[in-house]
Amino acid sequence: MKNLKYILTAFILAQSLAFANYNDVYIADIQYDWIRKSEVEKEAIISEVHDEVFEAELTKIEGFRTQFKNYLKDKDYLKHYFAASAGYKEIDNYNISAFYYKNQKHIYMYAIQDKKDISKSYYYDALGHLKYVDYIHGEYPDYPYYSYQYRISGKPVSAIYFVSKDTQYLFNPDGTFVGVWYKHNLYDKHSKVILTRTTY
């Protein structure tokens, strides 16, 4: 009788999965494995993520520099630079993260995010000059969420869909798929590594 109960439970679970949206199942897959997915599965995932992120093509925002004039220079850049270099994840009222060139000890960029306004992140070079701004949408800091990145000229750089700390889908501003980050590697549609990163 006990075995019958397990068999019935397994059967019901299998039926539920069979009728689930298989794209959702793959996107949320904790044991992420882009390399082993078929071309059809990849296209389905890309299409679903694209529809989630893009209502329209990203275009240049006029007056961007003026809009962020108070952020063009990080007045506390020395403190933030050294905190990021030392591995701090937060300082004062900011979340902070560091970006390194491969095999180098010094950071070339750091990002700060005001804890009172988590809808944006600001990326600065080592001298505290603003380089990029991320607009964050969705359930951040819970997954999934997505972001649009712009240069200070107002030109869009990319759109990224964050499934987890390990997995993100990267798109060009026009909505074309670039690749999927999994940990340190960026894989294209054919599972070829096209870029690596030192932090994720």
N, C-alpha and C. Protein backbone atom coordinates (compact mmCIF):
# COMPACT_ATOMS: atom_id res chain seq x y z
N MET A 1 0.83 -1.20 0.00
CA MET A 1 0.00 0.00 0.00
C MET A 1 0.87 1.26 0.00
N LYS A 2 1.95 1.20 0.80
CA LYS A 2 2.85 2.33 0.89
C LYS A 2 3.53 2.58 -0.46
N ASN A 3 3.95 1.48 -1.13
CA ASN A 3 4.57 1.62 -2.44
C ASN A 3 3.61 2.20 -3.46
N LEU A 4 2.35 1.79 -3.38
CA LEU A 4 1.33 2.30 -4.29
C LEU A 4 1.17 3.81 -4.12
N LYS A 5 1.23 4.26 -2.88
CA LYS A 5 1.12 5.69 -2.58
C LYS A 5 2.26 6.47 -3.23
N TYR A 6 3.50 5.95 -3.15
CA TYR A 6 4.65 6.60 -3.76
C TYR A 6 4.52 6.63 -5.29
N ILE A 7 4.05 5.52 -5.84
CA ILE A 7 3.89 5.44 -7.30
C ILE A 7 2.86 6.46 -7.78
N LEU A 8 1.73 6.56 -7.06
CA LEU A 8 0.69 7.53 -7.43
C LEU A 8 1.20 8.96 -7.32
N THR A 9 1.94 9.24 -6.27
CA THR A 9 2.51 10.59 -6.08
C THR A 9 3.45 10.93 -7.22
N ALA A 10 4.30 9.98 -7.57
CA ALA A 10 5.25 10.20 -8.66
C ALA A 10 4.52 10.40 -9.98
N PHE A 11 3.45 9.64 -10.20
CA PHE A 11 2.68 9.76 -11.44
C PHE A 11 2.03 11.13 -11.54
N ILE A 12 1.44 11.60 -10.44
CA ILE A 12 0.78 12.92 -10.44
C ILE A 12 1.79 14.02 -10.69
N LEU A 13 2.96 13.91 -10.05
CA LEU A 13 4.00 14.90 -10.25
C LEU A 13 4.48 14.93 -11.70
N ALA A 14 4.65 13.74 -12.28
CA ALA A 14 5.08 13.66 -13.67
C ALA A 14 4.06 14.29 -14.61
N GLN A 15 2.78 14.06 -14.33
CA GLN A 15 1.72 14.65 -15.15
C GLN A 15 1.72 16.16 -15.04
N SER A 16 1.96 16.68 -13.83
CA SER A 16 1.99 18.12 -13.62
C SER A 16 3.12 18.75 -14.43
N LEU A 17 4.29 18.11 -14.40
CA LEU A 17 5.42 18.63 -15.15
C LEU A 17 5.20 18.56 -16.64
N ALA A 18 4.50 17.53 -17.07
CA ALA A 18 4.26 17.36 -18.50
C ALA A 18 3.41 18.49 -19.05
N PHE A 19 2.50 19.02 -18.24
CA PHE A 19 1.62 20.08 -18.71
C PHE A 19 2.13 21.47 -18.36
N ALA A 20 3.28 21.55 -17.66
CA ALA A 20 3.85 22.86 -17.32
C ALA A 20 4.45 23.49 -18.55
N ASN A 21 4.59 24.80 -18.53
CA ASN A 21 5.26 25.52 -19.60
C ASN A 21 6.74 25.12 -19.53
N TYR A 22 7.22 24.38 -20.52
CA TYR A 22 8.57 23.83 -20.41
C TYR A 22 9.62 24.92 -20.44
N ASN A 23 9.32 26.10 -21.03
CA ASN A 23 10.28 27.20 -21.00
C ASN A 23 10.54 27.63 -19.56
N ASP A 24 9.48 27.78 -18.78
CA ASP A 24 9.61 28.18 -17.38
C ASP A 24 10.46 27.18 -16.61
N VAL A 25 10.24 25.91 -16.89
CA VAL A 25 10.99 24.87 -16.20
C VAL A 25 12.48 25.01 -16.50
N TYR A 26 12.83 25.26 -17.75
CA TYR A 26 14.23 25.38 -18.11
C TYR A 26 14.86 26.64 -17.56
N ILE A 27 14.16 27.76 -17.62
CA ILE A 27 14.71 29.02 -17.15
C ILE A 27 15.00 28.95 -15.66
N ALA A 28 14.11 28.34 -14.92
CA ALA A 28 14.26 28.28 -13.46
C ALA A 28 15.12 27.11 -13.00
N ASP A 29 15.66 26.35 -13.94
CA ASP A 29 16.42 25.15 -13.60
C ASP A 29 17.67 25.50 -12.79
N ILE A 30 17.72 25.03 -11.55
CA ILE A 30 18.87 25.30 -10.69
C ILE A 30 20.12 24.62 -11.24
N GLN A 31 19.95 23.40 -11.74
CA GLN A 31 21.07 22.68 -12.35
C GLN A 31 21.19 23.14 -13.81
N TYR A 32 21.57 24.39 -13.98
CA TYR A 32 21.58 25.00 -15.30
C TYR A 32 22.59 24.31 -16.21
N ASP A 33 22.17 24.00 -17.45
CA ASP A 33 23.06 23.31 -18.37
C ASP A 33 22.74 23.73 -19.80
N TRP A 34 23.23 24.89 -20.18
CA TRP A 34 22.98 25.44 -21.52
C TRP A 34 23.58 24.54 -22.60
N ILE A 35 24.74 23.97 -22.32
CA ILE A 35 25.47 23.20 -23.32
C ILE A 35 24.67 22.00 -23.80
N ARG A 36 23.93 21.35 -22.91
CA ARG A 36 23.23 20.12 -23.28
C ARG A 36 21.83 20.36 -23.84
N LYS A 37 21.38 21.61 -23.87
CA LYS A 37 20.04 21.89 -24.38
C LYS A 37 20.04 21.86 -25.90
N SER A 38 18.91 21.44 -26.46
CA SER A 38 18.79 21.41 -27.92
C SER A 38 18.59 22.82 -28.44
N GLU A 39 18.75 23.00 -29.75
CA GLU A 39 18.55 24.31 -30.36
C GLU A 39 17.12 24.80 -30.14
N VAL A 40 16.17 23.89 -30.19
CA VAL A 40 14.76 24.24 -29.99
C VAL A 40 14.54 24.75 -28.57
N GLU A 41 15.12 24.07 -27.59
CA GLU A 41 15.00 24.48 -26.20
C GLU A 41 15.63 25.85 -25.98
N LYS A 42 16.80 26.07 -26.57
CA LYS A 42 17.48 27.36 -26.43
C LYS A 42 16.65 28.48 -27.03
N GLU A 43 16.14 28.26 -28.22
CA GLU A 43 15.33 29.30 -28.87
C GLU A 43 14.09 29.63 -28.05
N ALA A 44 13.49 28.61 -27.45
CA ALA A 44 12.30 28.83 -26.63
C ALA A 44 12.64 29.67 -25.40
N ILE A 45 13.76 29.39 -24.78
CA ILE A 45 14.20 30.15 -23.60
C ILE A 45 14.50 31.59 -23.99
N ILE A 46 15.27 31.76 -25.06
CA ILE A 46 15.64 33.11 -25.52
C ILE A 46 14.39 33.92 -25.82
N SER A 47 13.43 33.30 -26.49
CA SER A 47 12.20 34.00 -26.85
C SER A 47 11.42 34.42 -25.61
N GLU A 48 11.33 33.53 -24.64
CA GLU A 48 10.57 33.85 -23.43
C GLU A 48 11.25 34.96 -22.63
N VAL A 49 12.57 34.88 -22.49
CA VAL A 49 13.30 35.91 -21.76
C VAL A 49 13.19 37.25 -22.49
N HIS A 50 13.34 37.22 -23.80
CA HIS A 50 13.23 38.44 -24.60
C HIS A 50 11.88 39.12 -24.38
N ASP A 51 10.82 38.35 -24.41
CA ASP A 51 9.48 38.92 -24.21
C ASP A 51 9.31 39.50 -22.82
N GLU A 52 10.02 38.94 -21.85
CA GLU A 52 9.97 39.44 -20.48
C GLU A 52 10.68 40.79 -20.36
N VAL A 53 11.78 40.94 -21.10
CA VAL A 53 12.65 42.10 -20.94
C VAL A 53 12.30 43.26 -21.88
N PHE A 54 11.91 42.93 -23.10
CA PHE A 54 11.74 43.98 -24.11
C PHE A 54 10.28 44.22 -24.46
N GLU A 55 9.81 45.42 -24.13
CA GLU A 55 8.54 45.88 -24.68
C GLU A 55 8.81 46.60 -25.98
N ALA A 56 9.98 47.22 -26.07
CA ALA A 56 10.41 47.92 -27.28
C ALA A 56 11.93 47.96 -27.28
N GLU A 57 12.49 48.28 -28.44
CA GLU A 57 13.94 48.42 -28.56
C GLU A 57 14.41 49.57 -27.69
N LEU A 58 15.55 49.39 -27.03
CA LEU A 58 16.10 50.47 -26.21
C LEU A 58 16.71 51.54 -27.12
N THR A 59 16.43 52.79 -26.81
CA THR A 59 16.94 53.90 -27.62
C THR A 59 17.70 54.87 -26.72
N LYS A 60 18.43 55.77 -27.35
CA LYS A 60 19.22 56.76 -26.62
C LYS A 60 18.30 57.67 -25.81
N ILE A 61 18.71 57.96 -24.59
CA ILE A 61 17.97 58.89 -23.74
C ILE A 61 18.63 60.27 -23.84
N GLU A 62 17.89 61.23 -24.34
CA GLU A 62 18.43 62.57 -24.46
C GLU A 62 18.50 63.23 -23.08
N GLY A 63 19.53 64.07 -22.89
CA GLY A 63 19.69 64.78 -21.63
C GLY A 63 20.11 63.89 -20.47
N PHE A 64 20.70 62.75 -20.80
CA PHE A 64 21.08 61.78 -19.77
C PHE A 64 22.10 62.37 -18.81
N ARG A 65 23.12 63.02 -19.36
CA ARG A 65 24.17 63.60 -18.53
C ARG A 65 23.59 64.65 -17.58
N THR A 66 22.66 65.46 -18.08
CA THR A 66 22.02 66.47 -17.24
C THR A 66 21.19 65.81 -16.14
N GLN A 67 20.49 64.74 -16.51
CA GLN A 67 19.66 64.03 -15.54
C GLN A 67 20.49 63.49 -14.37
N PHE A 68 21.72 63.08 -14.67
CA PHE A 68 22.59 62.49 -13.64
C PHE A 68 23.77 63.39 -13.30
N LYS A 69 23.58 64.69 -13.42
CA LYS A 69 24.68 65.64 -13.18
C LYS A 69 25.25 65.52 -11.76
N ASN A 70 24.41 65.16 -10.80
CA ASN A 70 24.89 65.04 -9.42
C ASN A 70 25.67 63.74 -9.17
N TYR A 71 25.71 62.86 -10.19
CA TYR A 71 26.38 61.56 -10.04
C TYR A 71 27.61 61.44 -10.94
N LEU A 72 27.90 62.48 -11.72
CA LEU A 72 28.99 62.39 -12.69
C LEU A 72 30.35 62.16 -12.02
N LYS A 73 30.51 62.67 -10.81
CA LYS A 73 31.74 62.46 -10.06
C LYS A 73 31.37 61.95 -8.67
N ASP A 74 31.96 60.82 -8.29
CA ASP A 74 31.76 60.27 -6.95
C ASP A 74 32.64 61.05 -5.98
N LYS A 75 32.01 61.88 -5.14
CA LYS A 75 32.77 62.73 -4.22
C LYS A 75 33.55 61.90 -3.19
N ASP A 76 33.09 60.71 -2.93
CA ASP A 76 33.77 59.82 -1.97
C ASP A 76 34.49 58.68 -2.69
N TYR A 77 35.02 58.98 -3.86
CA TYR A 77 35.55 57.89 -4.68
C TYR A 77 36.73 57.18 -4.03
N LEU A 78 37.57 57.89 -3.28
CA LEU A 78 38.69 57.22 -2.63
C LEU A 78 38.21 56.19 -1.61
N LYS A 79 37.24 56.62 -0.81
CA LYS A 79 36.70 55.70 0.19
C LYS A 79 36.02 54.51 -0.48
N HIS A 80 35.24 54.78 -1.52
CA HIS A 80 34.53 53.70 -2.22
C HIS A 80 35.51 52.79 -2.97
N TYR A 81 36.50 53.39 -3.59
CA TYR A 81 37.49 52.60 -4.33
C TYR A 81 38.22 51.63 -3.40
N PHE A 82 38.68 52.14 -2.27
CA PHE A 82 39.42 51.28 -1.34
C PHE A 82 38.52 50.25 -0.67
N ALA A 83 37.29 50.63 -0.40
CA ALA A 83 36.34 49.67 0.18
C ALA A 83 36.05 48.54 -0.80
N ALA A 84 35.82 48.91 -2.06
CA ALA A 84 35.57 47.88 -3.09
C ALA A 84 36.79 47.00 -3.27
N SER A 85 37.98 47.62 -3.28
CA SER A 85 39.23 46.86 -3.44
C SER A 85 39.44 45.88 -2.29
N ALA A 86 38.99 46.27 -1.10
CA ALA A 86 39.16 45.43 0.09
C ALA A 86 38.10 44.34 0.19
N GLY A 87 37.16 44.34 -0.74
CA GLY A 87 36.15 43.29 -0.77
C GLY A 87 34.88 43.60 -0.01
N TYR A 88 34.70 44.85 0.40
CA TYR A 88 33.47 45.23 1.07
C TYR A 88 32.27 45.05 0.13
N LYS A 89 31.15 44.63 0.67
CA LYS A 89 29.91 44.50 -0.10
C LYS A 89 28.97 45.68 0.16
N GLU A 90 29.25 46.41 1.25
CA GLU A 90 28.48 47.60 1.55
C GLU A 90 29.33 48.56 2.37
N ILE A 91 28.99 49.83 2.24
CA ILE A 91 29.67 50.86 3.02
C ILE A 91 28.70 52.03 3.18
N ASP A 92 28.59 52.51 4.40
CA ASP A 92 27.63 53.57 4.72
C ASP A 92 26.24 53.15 4.24
N ASN A 93 25.63 53.95 3.38
CA ASN A 93 24.28 53.65 2.88
C ASN A 93 24.29 53.03 1.49
N TYR A 94 25.42 52.46 1.09
CA TYR A 94 25.55 51.94 -0.27
C TYR A 94 25.92 50.45 -0.29
N ASN A 95 25.37 49.76 -1.28
CA ASN A 95 25.91 48.47 -1.68
C ASN A 95 27.04 48.77 -2.65
N ILE A 96 28.07 47.94 -2.63
CA ILE A 96 29.24 48.24 -3.46
C ILE A 96 29.83 46.95 -4.01
N SER A 97 30.36 47.01 -5.23
CA SER A 97 31.01 45.84 -5.82
C SER A 97 32.19 46.30 -6.68
N ALA A 98 33.15 45.41 -6.87
CA ALA A 98 34.39 45.73 -7.58
C ALA A 98 34.51 44.92 -8.85
N PHE A 99 35.23 45.48 -9.83
CA PHE A 99 35.48 44.81 -11.10
C PHE A 99 36.97 44.85 -11.38
N TYR A 100 37.52 43.67 -11.71
CA TYR A 100 38.95 43.52 -11.92
C TYR A 100 39.24 43.09 -13.35
N TYR A 101 40.41 43.49 -13.86
CA TYR A 101 40.93 42.87 -15.06
C TYR A 101 41.49 41.51 -14.67
N LYS A 102 41.42 40.58 -15.57
CA LYS A 102 41.90 39.24 -15.28
C LYS A 102 43.37 39.26 -14.86
N ASN A 103 43.66 38.52 -13.80
CA ASN A 103 45.02 38.36 -13.27
C ASN A 103 45.65 39.66 -12.76
N GLN A 104 44.82 40.67 -12.46
CA GLN A 104 45.34 41.89 -11.86
C GLN A 104 44.74 42.10 -10.48
N LYS A 105 45.49 42.74 -9.61
CA LYS A 105 45.06 42.92 -8.24
C LYS A 105 44.20 44.16 -8.05
N HIS A 106 44.37 45.14 -8.90
CA HIS A 106 43.69 46.42 -8.73
C HIS A 106 42.40 46.46 -9.55
N ILE A 107 41.39 47.10 -8.97
CA ILE A 107 40.11 47.19 -9.69
C ILE A 107 40.18 48.31 -10.73
N TYR A 108 39.43 48.14 -11.80
CA TYR A 108 39.36 49.19 -12.81
C TYR A 108 38.01 49.92 -12.75
N MET A 109 37.05 49.33 -12.02
CA MET A 109 35.74 49.94 -11.92
C MET A 109 35.05 49.42 -10.66
N TYR A 110 34.18 50.24 -10.10
CA TYR A 110 33.35 49.80 -8.98
C TYR A 110 31.94 50.33 -9.19
N ALA A 111 31.00 49.65 -8.60
CA ALA A 111 29.59 50.05 -8.72
C ALA A 111 29.04 50.31 -7.33
N ILE A 112 28.24 51.36 -7.23
CA ILE A 112 27.56 51.64 -5.97
C ILE A 112 26.06 51.75 -6.22
N GLN A 113 25.32 51.41 -5.19
CA GLN A 113 23.86 51.46 -5.25
C GLN A 113 23.35 51.98 -3.91
N ASP A 114 22.60 53.05 -3.97
CA ASP A 114 22.04 53.64 -2.76
C ASP A 114 20.97 52.70 -2.21
N LYS A 115 21.10 52.34 -0.94
CA LYS A 115 20.13 51.41 -0.34
C LYS A 115 18.72 52.00 -0.28
N LYS A 116 18.62 53.32 -0.37
CA LYS A 116 17.31 53.97 -0.34
C LYS A 116 16.66 54.01 -1.72
N ASP A 117 17.46 53.75 -2.76
CA ASP A 117 16.94 53.71 -4.12
C ASP A 117 17.65 52.61 -4.88
N ILE A 118 17.14 51.39 -4.76
CA ILE A 118 17.80 50.24 -5.38
C ILE A 118 17.40 50.05 -6.84
N SER A 119 16.70 51.04 -7.40
CA SER A 119 16.28 50.93 -8.80
C SER A 119 17.40 51.30 -9.77
N LYS A 120 18.53 51.80 -9.24
CA LYS A 120 19.64 52.18 -10.11
C LYS A 120 20.97 51.78 -9.47
N SER A 121 21.94 51.49 -10.33
CA SER A 121 23.32 51.27 -9.91
C SER A 121 24.21 52.17 -10.74
N TYR A 122 25.28 52.68 -10.13
CA TYR A 122 26.18 53.63 -10.79
C TYR A 122 27.58 53.03 -10.85
N TYR A 123 28.15 53.02 -12.05
CA TYR A 123 29.47 52.42 -12.27
C TYR A 123 30.50 53.52 -12.48
N TYR A 124 31.56 53.47 -11.68
CA TYR A 124 32.61 54.49 -11.73
C TYR A 124 33.96 53.87 -12.05
N ASP A 125 34.80 54.66 -12.75
CA ASP A 125 36.17 54.20 -12.96
C ASP A 125 36.96 54.44 -11.68
N ALA A 126 38.25 54.09 -11.70
CA ALA A 126 39.07 54.15 -10.49
C ALA A 126 39.24 55.56 -9.95
N LEU A 127 38.99 56.57 -10.79
CA LEU A 127 39.11 57.97 -10.36
C LEU A 127 37.76 58.60 -10.02
N GLY A 128 36.72 57.76 -9.98
CA GLY A 128 35.41 58.25 -9.56
C GLY A 128 34.58 58.93 -10.62
N HIS A 129 34.89 58.68 -11.91
CA HIS A 129 34.10 59.25 -12.99
C HIS A 129 33.01 58.27 -13.41
N LEU A 130 31.79 58.76 -13.50
CA LEU A 130 30.66 57.91 -13.87
C LEU A 130 30.80 57.40 -15.29
N LYS A 131 30.61 56.10 -15.48
CA LYS A 131 30.73 55.48 -16.80
C LYS A 131 29.39 54.91 -17.28
N TYR A 132 28.66 54.26 -16.38
CA TYR A 132 27.41 53.61 -16.75
C TYR A 132 26.38 53.78 -15.64
N VAL A 133 25.12 53.67 -16.04
CA VAL A 133 24.02 53.63 -15.08
C VAL A 133 23.13 52.45 -15.45
N ASP A 134 22.79 51.65 -14.47
CA ASP A 134 21.84 50.54 -14.66
C ASP A 134 20.48 50.92 -14.09
N TYR A 135 19.44 50.71 -14.90
CA TYR A 135 18.07 50.80 -14.41
C TYR A 135 17.61 49.38 -14.11
N ILE A 136 17.19 49.14 -12.89
CA ILE A 136 16.84 47.78 -12.46
C ILE A 136 15.33 47.64 -12.33
N HIS A 137 14.80 46.55 -12.90
CA HIS A 137 13.36 46.29 -12.90
C HIS A 137 13.08 44.89 -12.37
N GLY A 138 11.86 44.70 -11.90
CA GLY A 138 11.46 43.37 -11.46
C GLY A 138 11.49 43.24 -9.95
N GLU A 139 11.83 42.05 -9.47
CA GLU A 139 11.72 41.73 -8.05
C GLU A 139 13.03 41.93 -7.28
N TYR A 140 13.95 42.70 -7.85
CA TYR A 140 15.25 42.91 -7.21
C TYR A 140 15.07 43.31 -5.75
N PRO A 141 15.85 42.73 -4.82
CA PRO A 141 17.02 41.86 -5.03
C PRO A 141 16.68 40.38 -5.17
N ASP A 142 15.40 40.04 -5.17
CA ASP A 142 15.01 38.65 -5.41
C ASP A 142 15.04 38.36 -6.91
N TYR A 143 15.30 37.13 -7.25
CA TYR A 143 15.33 36.71 -8.65
C TYR A 143 13.96 36.22 -9.08
N PRO A 144 13.61 36.36 -10.35
CA PRO A 144 14.39 37.02 -11.41
C PRO A 144 14.15 38.53 -11.42
N TYR A 145 15.10 39.24 -12.01
CA TYR A 145 14.93 40.66 -12.30
C TYR A 145 15.75 40.97 -13.54
N TYR A 146 15.62 42.18 -14.07
CA TYR A 146 16.38 42.53 -15.26
C TYR A 146 16.83 43.98 -15.18
N SER A 147 17.83 44.32 -15.98
CA SER A 147 18.36 45.69 -15.96
C SER A 147 18.68 46.16 -17.36
N TYR A 148 18.61 47.49 -17.52
CA TYR A 148 19.05 48.16 -18.75
C TYR A 148 20.24 49.02 -18.40
N GLN A 149 21.33 48.91 -19.16
CA GLN A 149 22.51 49.69 -18.88
C GLN A 149 22.72 50.76 -19.95
N TYR A 150 23.08 51.97 -19.50
CA TYR A 150 23.31 53.11 -20.39
C TYR A 150 24.66 53.74 -20.10
N ARG A 151 25.31 54.24 -21.16
CA ARG A 151 26.49 55.07 -20.98
C ARG A 151 26.03 56.46 -20.53
N ILE A 152 26.96 57.28 -20.07
CA ILE A 152 26.56 58.62 -19.62
C ILE A 152 26.13 59.50 -20.79
N SER A 153 26.42 59.08 -22.01
CA SER A 153 25.92 59.79 -23.19
C SER A 153 24.43 59.54 -23.41
N GLY A 154 23.88 58.56 -22.66
CA GLY A 154 22.48 58.19 -22.84
C GLY A 154 22.28 57.05 -23.82
N LYS A 155 23.39 56.57 -24.39
CA LYS A 155 23.31 55.46 -25.34
C LYS A 155 23.17 54.14 -24.59
N PRO A 156 22.18 53.31 -24.97
CA PRO A 156 22.02 52.02 -24.30
C PRO A 156 23.15 51.06 -24.63
N VAL A 157 23.54 50.27 -23.65
CA VAL A 157 24.64 49.32 -23.81
C VAL A 157 24.12 47.89 -23.92
N SER A 158 23.21 47.53 -22.99
CA SER A 158 22.75 46.16 -22.95
C SER A 158 21.50 46.03 -22.09
N ALA A 159 20.89 44.85 -22.19
CA ALA A 159 19.81 44.45 -21.29
C ALA A 159 20.19 43.08 -20.75
N ILE A 160 20.01 42.89 -19.44
CA ILE A 160 20.41 41.63 -18.82
C ILE A 160 19.26 41.11 -17.96
N TYR A 161 18.95 39.83 -18.14
CA TYR A 161 17.93 39.15 -17.34
C TYR A 161 18.64 38.25 -16.35
N PHE A 162 18.44 38.51 -15.05
CA PHE A 162 19.12 37.78 -13.99
C PHE A 162 18.23 36.66 -13.46
N VAL A 163 18.60 35.44 -13.75
CA VAL A 163 17.88 34.28 -13.24
C VAL A 163 18.35 33.93 -11.84
N SER A 164 19.65 34.06 -11.62
CA SER A 164 20.26 33.75 -10.33
C SER A 164 21.62 34.43 -10.28
N LYS A 165 22.34 34.26 -9.20
CA LYS A 165 23.70 34.81 -9.10
C LYS A 165 24.58 34.21 -10.19
N ASP A 166 24.33 32.97 -10.55
CA ASP A 166 25.18 32.27 -11.52
C ASP A 166 24.77 32.49 -12.97
N THR A 167 23.51 32.81 -13.21
CA THR A 167 22.97 32.75 -14.58
C THR A 167 22.27 34.03 -14.99
N GLN A 168 22.75 34.61 -16.10
CA GLN A 168 22.12 35.80 -16.66
C GLN A 168 22.09 35.73 -18.19
N TYR A 169 21.02 36.26 -18.77
CA TYR A 169 20.88 36.31 -20.22
C TYR A 169 21.19 37.72 -20.70
N LEU A 170 22.09 37.84 -21.67
CA LEU A 170 22.57 39.12 -22.15
C LEU A 170 22.04 39.40 -23.55
N PHE A 171 21.50 40.63 -23.73
CA PHE A 171 20.97 41.06 -25.02
C PHE A 171 21.56 42.41 -25.41
N ASN A 172 21.66 42.63 -26.72
CA ASN A 172 21.99 43.96 -27.23
C ASN A 172 20.77 44.87 -27.07
N PRO A 173 20.97 46.18 -27.15
CA PRO A 173 19.83 47.11 -26.99
C PRO A 173 18.71 46.88 -28.00
N ASP A 174 19.04 46.36 -29.18
CA ASP A 174 18.01 46.12 -30.19
C ASP A 174 17.25 44.81 -29.97
N GLY A 175 17.59 44.10 -28.88
CA GLY A 175 16.87 42.88 -28.55
C GLY A 175 17.51 41.61 -29.06
N THR A 176 18.62 41.72 -29.79
CA THR A 176 19.29 40.50 -30.28
C THR A 176 20.02 39.83 -29.12
N PHE A 177 19.96 38.53 -29.11
CA PHE A 177 20.58 37.73 -28.05
C PHE A 177 22.08 37.68 -28.24
N VAL A 178 22.83 37.95 -27.17
CA VAL A 178 24.29 37.87 -27.20
C VAL A 178 24.75 36.54 -26.65
N GLY A 179 24.27 36.21 -25.44
CA GLY A 179 24.69 34.96 -24.82
C GLY A 179 24.13 34.83 -23.43
N VAL A 180 24.47 33.72 -22.81
CA VAL A 180 24.04 33.49 -21.43
C VAL A 180 25.27 33.32 -20.56
N TRP A 181 25.34 34.15 -19.52
CA TRP A 181 26.41 34.01 -18.54
C TRP A 181 26.07 32.85 -17.63
N TYR A 182 27.02 31.96 -17.46
CA TYR A 182 26.90 30.94 -16.42
C TYR A 182 28.22 30.95 -15.66
N LYS A 183 28.16 31.48 -14.45
CA LYS A 183 29.35 31.68 -13.63
C LYS A 183 30.34 32.56 -14.39
N HIS A 184 31.53 32.03 -14.70
CA HIS A 184 32.56 32.88 -15.31
C HIS A 184 32.47 32.98 -16.83
N ASN A 185 31.68 32.15 -17.46
CA ASN A 185 31.69 32.08 -18.92
C ASN A 185 30.42 32.62 -19.56
N LEU A 186 30.60 33.28 -20.70
CA LEU A 186 29.47 33.72 -21.52
C LEU A 186 29.38 32.79 -22.73
N TYR A 187 28.25 32.08 -22.83
CA TYR A 187 28.04 31.12 -23.91
C TYR A 187 27.10 31.72 -24.95
N ASP A 188 27.44 31.54 -26.23
CA ASP A 188 26.53 32.01 -27.27
C ASP A 188 25.47 30.95 -27.54
N LYS A 189 24.69 31.17 -28.57
CA LYS A 189 23.57 30.28 -28.88
C LYS A 189 24.04 28.87 -29.22
N HIS A 190 25.29 28.74 -29.64
CA HIS A 190 25.83 27.43 -30.03
C HIS A 190 26.68 26.81 -28.92
N SER A 191 26.56 27.34 -27.71
CA SER A 191 27.27 26.84 -26.52
C SER A 191 28.77 27.08 -26.57
N LYS A 192 29.20 28.01 -27.40
CA LYS A 192 30.62 28.36 -27.49
C LYS A 192 30.90 29.49 -26.49
N VAL A 193 32.02 29.35 -25.74
CA VAL A 193 32.42 30.40 -24.81
C VAL A 193 32.96 31.58 -25.60
N ILE A 194 32.33 32.75 -25.44
CA ILE A 194 32.75 33.92 -26.19
C ILE A 194 33.38 35.00 -25.31
N LEU A 195 33.25 34.84 -23.99
CA LEU A 195 33.82 35.81 -23.06
C LEU A 195 33.92 35.18 -21.69
N THR A 196 34.87 35.64 -20.90
CA THR A 196 34.97 35.18 -19.50
C THR A 196 35.03 36.41 -18.61
N ARG A 197 34.72 36.23 -17.33
CA ARG A 197 34.75 37.34 -16.37
C ARG A 197 35.39 36.84 -15.08
N THR A 198 35.88 37.78 -14.29
CA THR A 198 36.55 37.41 -13.06
C THR A 198 35.60 37.51 -11.86
N THR A 199 34.51 38.24 -12.00
CA THR A 199 33.54 38.35 -10.92
C THR A 199 32.15 38.05 -11.45
N TYR A 200 31.30 37.52 -10.62
CA TYR A 200 29.89 37.32 -10.98
C TYR A 200 29.05 37.28 -9.73
